[in-house]
Protein backbone atom coordinates (compact mmCIF):
# COMPACT_ATOMS: atom_id res chain seq x y z
CA MET A 1 -1.32 116.54 141.33
CA GLY A 2 0.27 115.41 144.45
CA ARG A 3 -1.82 113.52 146.91
CA GLN A 4 -2.28 109.80 147.35
CA LEU A 5 -5.44 108.11 146.14
CA ASP A 6 -7.81 106.60 148.69
CA ASP A 7 -8.82 102.99 148.07
CA SER A 8 -12.19 103.47 149.74
CA ARG A 9 -13.62 105.80 147.05
CA PRO A 10 -13.81 105.56 143.26
CA ILE A 11 -10.58 106.79 141.69
CA PHE A 12 -12.29 108.82 138.96
CA LEU A 13 -14.12 110.83 141.64
CA GLN A 14 -10.85 111.49 143.43
CA ILE A 15 -9.25 112.73 140.19
CA ALA A 16 -12.15 115.13 139.64
CA GLU A 17 -12.03 116.26 143.28
CA GLN A 18 -8.27 116.88 143.11
CA VAL A 19 -8.70 119.15 140.09
CA GLU A 20 -11.59 120.92 141.85
CA ASN A 21 -9.43 121.42 144.95
CA ASP A 22 -6.60 122.80 142.82
CA ILE A 23 -9.05 125.27 141.25
CA ILE A 24 -10.48 126.33 144.62
CA ASP A 25 -6.97 126.68 146.09
CA GLY A 26 -5.81 128.78 143.11
CA VAL A 27 -3.25 126.23 141.94
CA LEU A 28 -5.20 126.00 138.67
CA LYS A 29 -6.62 129.30 137.43
CA GLU A 30 -9.40 130.04 134.98
CA ASP A 31 -8.36 129.49 131.38
CA GLU A 32 -5.39 127.38 132.53
CA GLN A 33 -4.76 123.91 131.12
CA ILE A 34 -5.23 120.94 133.44
CA PRO A 35 -3.03 117.83 133.22
CA SER A 36 -3.92 115.41 130.45
CA THR A 37 -5.58 112.09 131.15
CA ASN A 38 -2.31 110.39 130.23
CA GLU A 39 -0.46 112.55 132.77
CA PHE A 40 -3.00 111.63 135.46
CA ALA A 41 -2.73 107.96 134.47
CA ALA A 42 1.07 107.98 134.63
CA PHE A 43 1.25 109.97 137.87
CA TYR A 44 -1.29 107.86 139.76
CA ARG A 45 -0.49 104.62 137.92
CA ILE A 46 -4.08 104.13 136.81
CA ASN A 47 -5.83 103.25 133.59
CA PRO A 48 -6.17 106.30 131.27
CA ALA A 49 -9.89 105.44 130.87
CA THR A 50 -10.33 105.96 134.63
CA ALA A 51 -8.60 109.33 134.44
CA LEU A 52 -10.77 110.25 131.45
CA LYS A 53 -13.89 109.38 133.43
CA GLY A 54 -12.82 111.84 136.15
CA VAL A 55 -12.04 114.59 133.64
CA ASN A 56 -15.32 113.98 131.81
CA ARG A 57 -17.15 114.51 135.09
CA LEU A 58 -15.55 117.96 135.25
CA VAL A 59 -16.59 118.63 131.66
CA ASP A 60 -20.17 117.56 132.44
CA ASP A 61 -20.18 119.94 135.43
CA GLY A 62 -18.87 122.82 133.28
CA ILE A 63 -15.66 123.12 135.31
CA VAL A 64 -13.33 122.35 132.41
CA ALA A 65 -13.81 122.51 128.67
CA LYS A 66 -11.99 120.81 125.82
CA ARG A 67 -10.09 122.85 123.28
CA ARG A 68 -9.83 120.68 120.24
CA GLY A 69 -6.30 119.49 119.62
CA ILE A 70 -4.91 121.34 122.66
CA GLY A 71 -6.38 119.86 125.85
CA MET A 72 -8.70 120.63 128.75
CA PHE A 73 -8.88 124.07 130.31
CA VAL A 74 -10.51 125.54 133.42
CA THR A 75 -13.64 127.46 132.42
CA ALA A 76 -14.45 131.06 133.35
CA GLY A 77 -16.29 131.22 136.66
CA ALA A 78 -15.33 127.64 137.61
CA ARG A 79 -13.86 128.62 140.98
CA ALA A 80 -16.93 130.62 142.02
CA ARG A 81 -19.26 127.79 140.95
CA LEU A 82 -17.21 125.22 142.85
CA ILE A 83 -17.16 127.32 146.01
CA GLU A 84 -20.93 127.88 145.79
CA ARG A 85 -21.55 124.15 145.34
CA ARG A 86 -19.17 123.18 148.15
CA ARG A 87 -20.81 125.70 150.52
CA ALA A 88 -24.22 124.19 149.80
CA GLU A 89 -22.82 120.69 150.38
CA PHE A 90 -21.16 121.88 153.61
CA ALA A 91 -24.46 123.28 154.90
CA ALA A 92 -26.35 120.09 154.06
CA GLU A 93 -23.72 117.67 155.33
CA TYR A 94 -22.44 119.44 158.44
CA LEU A 95 -24.46 122.48 159.48
CA ARG A 96 -27.98 121.07 159.35
CA PRO A 97 -27.10 117.95 161.39
CA LEU A 98 -25.12 120.13 163.82
CA ILE A 99 -28.09 122.44 164.36
CA VAL A 100 -30.46 119.51 164.85
CA GLU A 101 -28.15 117.94 167.44
CA ALA A 102 -27.60 121.28 169.21
CA GLU A 103 -31.37 121.75 169.47
CA LYS A 104 -31.72 118.26 171.00
CA LEU A 105 -29.14 119.23 173.62
CA GLY A 106 -30.72 122.61 174.34
CA ILE A 107 -27.84 124.58 172.81
CA ASP A 108 -29.07 127.83 171.30
CA ILE A 109 -27.50 129.54 168.28
CA ASP A 110 -25.46 132.01 170.36
CA GLU A 111 -24.03 129.23 172.52
CA LEU A 112 -23.33 127.15 169.42
CA ALA A 113 -21.50 130.08 167.82
CA GLY A 114 -19.43 130.42 170.98
CA LEU A 115 -18.56 126.73 170.92
CA LEU A 116 -17.50 127.02 167.28
CA ARG A 117 -15.32 130.04 168.02
CA ALA A 118 -13.66 128.22 170.93
CA GLU A 119 -12.97 125.15 168.78
CA ARG A 120 -11.52 127.31 166.01
CA ILE A 121 -9.14 128.98 168.47
CA GLN A 122 -7.98 125.58 169.75
CA SER A 123 -7.31 124.18 166.29
C-alpha cells in the first residue's frame, strides 16, 4: 500500500489493482497474507465496505483466498495468471490499435519494430 487513489476511477477497483500490482512486482508473494480490509480502509481513509468490495473482486478472480479466522492470502499461481491476463489486455488495448494505425500510415512490421526500439532507447 502506498500510492494515492485516483478520483476518476472506482476506489474498489484501485484497491484490487494495487494488490495485483504488488503481486506482479513481487511485493506480495504466493501464500502471503494481504492487508485486511480494515487496514486498507484506515490507510486510504475509505469505508471498509469499499475495501471489501475490492478484495472480493480478487477472491472472485482467484487471486486471493480467505483462510477462515486468519485473513486473505495470495493464491498459488496468482502472479502467472495476472501476467497472462495483463498481457492479453495489453495486446487488445495497445498493440492492435497500434498495428491498425501503422497499417494506415504504410508502416510495416519491421519499421514499426524499429520505431519501438528507438522509443525504448529514448525513454
